[in-house]
C-alpha atoms as a PDB file:
ATOM      1  CA  UNK A   1       0.000   0.000   0.000  1.00  0.00           C
ATOM      2  CA  UNK A   2       1.385   3.387  -1.023  1.00  0.00           C
ATOM      3  CA  UNK A   3      -0.135   6.786  -0.284  1.00  0.00           C
ATOM      4  CA  UNK A   4       1.212   9.922  -1.948  1.00  0.00           C
ATOM      5  CA  UNK A   5       0.680  13.405  -0.540  1.00  0.00           C
ATOM      6  CA  UNK A   6       1.800  16.748  -1.951  1.00  0.00           C
ATOM      7  CA  UNK A   7       1.012  20.432  -1.515  1.00  0.00           C
ATOM      8  CA  UNK A   8       1.865  23.095  -4.108  1.00  0.00           C
ATOM      9  CA  UNK A   9       1.710  26.865  -3.753  1.00  0.00           C
ATOM     10  CA  UNK A  10       2.348  29.171  -6.712  1.00  0.00           C
ATOM     11  CA  UNK A  11       2.336  32.972  -6.731  1.00  0.00           C
ATOM     12  CA  UNK A  12       2.873  36.136  -8.833  1.00  0.00           C
ATOM     13  CA  UNK A  13       1.101  37.837 -11.708  1.00  0.00           C
ATOM     14  CA  UNK A  14       1.853  41.384 -12.920  1.00  0.00           C
ATOM     15  CA  UNK A  15       3.410  42.511  -9.625  1.00  0.00           C
ATOM     16  CA  UNK A  16       0.183  41.590  -7.778  1.00  0.00           C
ATOM     17  CA  UNK A  17       0.871  38.477  -5.779  1.00  0.00           C
ATOM     18  CA  UNK A  18      -1.868  35.889  -5.646  1.00  0.00           C
ATOM     19  CA  UNK A  19      -1.893  32.298  -4.493  1.00  0.00           C
ATOM     20  CA  UNK A  20      -2.758  28.986  -6.105  1.00  0.00           C
ATOM     21  CA  UNK A  21      -2.803  26.173  -3.553  1.00  0.00           C
ATOM     22  CA  UNK A  22      -3.099  22.526  -4.542  1.00  0.00           C
ATOM     23  CA  UNK A  23      -3.404  19.414  -2.394  1.00  0.00           C
ATOM     24  CA  UNK A  24      -2.959  16.058  -4.199  1.00  0.00           C
ATOM     25  CA  UNK A  25      -3.589  12.620  -2.735  1.00  0.00           C
ATOM     26  CA  UNK A  26      -3.107   9.241  -4.427  1.00  0.00           C
ATOM     27  CA  UNK A  27      -3.603   5.748  -3.064  1.00  0.00           C
ATOM     28  CA  UNK A  28      -2.329   2.701  -4.982  1.00  0.00           C
ATOM     29  CA  UNK A  29      -4.519  -0.273  -4.069  1.00  0.00           C
ATOM     30  CA  UNK A  30      -2.394  -2.678  -6.103  1.00  0.00           C
ATOM     31  CA  UNK A  31      -0.372  -2.649  -9.340  1.00  0.00           C
ATOM     32  CA  UNK A  32      -3.480  -2.014 -11.477  1.00  0.00           C
ATOM     33  CA  UNK A  33      -5.955   0.010  -9.351  1.00  0.00           C
ATOM     34  CA  UNK A  34      -5.481   3.419  -7.717  1.00  0.00           C
ATOM     35  CA  UNK A  35      -7.629   6.338  -6.573  1.00  0.00           C
ATOM     36  CA  UNK A  36      -6.795  10.028  -6.403  1.00  0.00           C
ATOM     37  CA  UNK A  37      -8.132  13.254  -4.981  1.00  0.00           C
ATOM     38  CA  UNK A  38      -7.241  16.901  -5.490  1.00  0.00           C
ATOM     39  CA  UNK A  39      -8.332  20.196  -3.948  1.00  0.00           C
ATOM     40  CA  UNK A  40      -7.417  23.705  -5.146  1.00  0.00           C
ATOM     41  CA  UNK A  41      -7.891  27.130  -3.592  1.00  0.00           C
ATOM     42  CA  UNK A  42      -6.974  30.301  -5.523  1.00  0.00           C
ATOM     43  CA  UNK A  43      -6.770  33.954  -4.578  1.00  0.00           C
ATOM     44  CA  UNK A  44      -6.177  37.191  -6.485  1.00  0.00           C
ATOM     45  CA  UNK A  45      -4.086  38.733  -3.695  1.00  0.00           C
ATOM     46  CA  UNK A  46      -1.517  37.001  -1.530  1.00  0.00           C
ATOM     47  CA  UNK A  47      -3.729  34.768   0.657  1.00  0.00           C
ATOM     48  CA  UNK A  48      -6.582  37.232   0.432  1.00  0.00           C
ATOM     49  CA  UNK A  49      -9.397  37.848  -2.037  1.00  0.00           C
ATOM     50  CA  UNK A  50     -10.163  34.154  -2.554  1.00  0.00           C
ATOM     51  CA  UNK A  51     -12.356  33.622  -5.597  1.00  0.00           C
ATOM     52  CA  UNK A  52     -12.036  29.991  -6.749  1.00  0.00           C
ATOM     53  CA  UNK A  53     -11.948  26.482  -5.369  1.00  0.00           C
ATOM     54  CA  UNK A  54     -12.304  22.996  -6.764  1.00  0.00           C
ATOM     55  CA  UNK A  55     -12.230  19.454  -5.533  1.00  0.00           C
ATOM     56  CA  UNK A  56     -12.106  16.338  -7.646  1.00  0.00           C
ATOM     57  CA  UNK A  57     -11.300  12.674  -7.487  1.00  0.00           C
ATOM     58  CA  UNK A  58     -11.430   9.479  -9.408  1.00  0.00           C
ATOM     59  CA  UNK A  59     -10.081   6.033 -10.026  1.00  0.00           C
ATOM     60  CA  UNK A  60      -7.377   4.681 -12.316  1.00  0.00           C
ATOM     61  CA  UNK A  61      -6.965   1.268 -13.901  1.00  0.00           C
ATOM     62  CA  UNK A  62      -3.613   0.348 -15.445  1.00  0.00           C
ATOM     63  CA  UNK A  63      -4.480  -1.776 -18.487  1.00  0.00           C
ATOM     64  CA  UNK A  64      -0.868  -2.230 -19.578  1.00  0.00           C
ATOM     65  CA  UNK A  65       2.493  -0.883 -18.408  1.00  0.00           C
ATOM     66  CA  UNK A  66       2.032   1.892 -20.995  1.00  0.00           C
ATOM     67  CA  UNK A  67      -1.741   2.582 -20.702  1.00  0.00           C
ATOM     68  CA  UNK A  68      -3.907   3.775 -17.811  1.00  0.00           C
ATOM     69  CA  UNK A  69      -7.662   4.497 -17.896  1.00  0.00           C
ATOM     70  CA  UNK A  70      -9.183   7.081 -15.545  1.00  0.00           C
ATOM     71  CA  UNK A  71     -12.713   8.051 -14.578  1.00  0.00           C
ATOM     72  CA  UNK A  72     -12.944  11.262 -12.577  1.00  0.00           C
ATOM     73  CA  UNK A  73     -15.498  13.729 -11.222  1.00  0.00           C
ATOM     74  CA  UNK A  74     -15.224  17.151  -9.644  1.00  0.00           C
ATOM     75  CA  UNK A  75     -16.869  20.334  -8.430  1.00  0.00           C
ATOM     76  CA  UNK A  76     -15.547  23.725  -9.626  1.00  0.00           C
ATOM     77  CA  UNK A  77     -16.707  27.000  -8.019  1.00  0.00           C
ATOM     78  CA  UNK A  78     -15.806  30.530  -9.193  1.00  0.00           C
ATOM     79  CA  UNK A  79     -16.944  33.680  -7.386  1.00  0.00           C
ATOM     80  CA  UNK A  80     -16.801  37.284  -8.518  1.00  0.00           C
ATOM     81  CA  UNK A  81     -13.662  39.295  -7.810  1.00  0.00           C
ATOM     82  CA  UNK A  82     -13.431  41.639  -4.873  1.00  0.00           C
ATOM     83  CA  UNK A  83     -13.580  39.533  -1.756  1.00  0.00           C
ATOM     84  CA  UNK A  84     -13.461  36.175  -0.122  1.00  0.00           C
ATOM     85  CA  UNK A  85     -16.082  34.125  -1.929  1.00  0.00           C
ATOM     86  CA  UNK A  86     -18.396  37.099  -2.461  1.00  0.00           C
ATOM     87  CA  UNK A  87     -21.738  36.141  -3.985  1.00  0.00           C
ATOM     88  CA  UNK A  88     -22.974  35.782  -6.626  1.00  0.00           C
ATOM     89  CA  UNK A  89     -21.065  32.858  -8.041  1.00  0.00           C
ATOM     90  CA  UNK A  90     -19.801  33.249 -11.585  1.00  0.00           C
ATOM     91  CA  UNK A  91     -19.682  29.489 -12.159  1.00  0.00           C
ATOM     92  CA  UNK A  92     -20.958  26.436 -10.335  1.00  0.00           C
ATOM     93  CA  UNK A  93     -19.844  23.372 -12.304  1.00  0.00           C
ATOM     94  CA  UNK A  94     -19.824  19.615 -11.890  1.00  0.00           C
ATOM     95  CA  UNK A  95     -17.684  17.706 -14.366  1.00  0.00           C
ATOM     96  CA  UNK A  96     -17.368  14.008 -15.104  1.00  0.00           C
ATOM     97  CA  UNK A  97     -14.560  12.907 -17.387  1.00  0.00           C
ATOM     98  CA  UNK A  98     -12.851   9.815 -18.833  1.00  0.00           C
ATOM     99  CA  UNK A  99      -9.130   9.919 -19.527  1.00  0.00           C
ATOM    100  CA  UNK A 100      -6.525   7.733 -21.220  1.00  0.00           C
ATOM    101  CA  UNK A 101      -2.917   8.190 -20.096  1.00  0.00           C
ATOM    102  CA  UNK A 102      -0.115   6.837 -22.272  1.00  0.00           C
ATOM    103  CA  UNK A 103       3.333   6.258 -20.752  1.00  0.00           C
ATOM    104  CA  UNK A 104       6.506   6.333 -22.819  1.00  0.00           C
ATOM    105  CA  UNK A 105       9.447   4.668 -21.136  1.00  0.00           C
ATOM    106  CA  UNK A 106      12.626   5.842 -22.790  1.00  0.00           C
ATOM    107  CA  UNK A 107      15.796   3.799 -22.725  1.00  0.00           C
ATOM    108  CA  UNK A 108      18.892   5.557 -21.352  1.00  0.00           C
END
């Protein structure tokens, strides 16, 4: 059993610092099956003026050493600028997606 955990924070746009925070989780059940989750929180000023968040997750199935199939779902929320999640919302989305990931293992 392997569990991966990572946090990313990115900043800076046109001298106005903002923040883009990402939390990723992945759990490998076995060599073929895994699940993942991700959450994001974004702001237009440095840890202030939050206007966007999303959370999503899904499952992966490794068909072959070079091919993985994914089915994911997520919620994506965007609020108007000018505050911390000030109403009204600009977007309130739910997405469901399939994905095929191809791996290319190069020889050194």
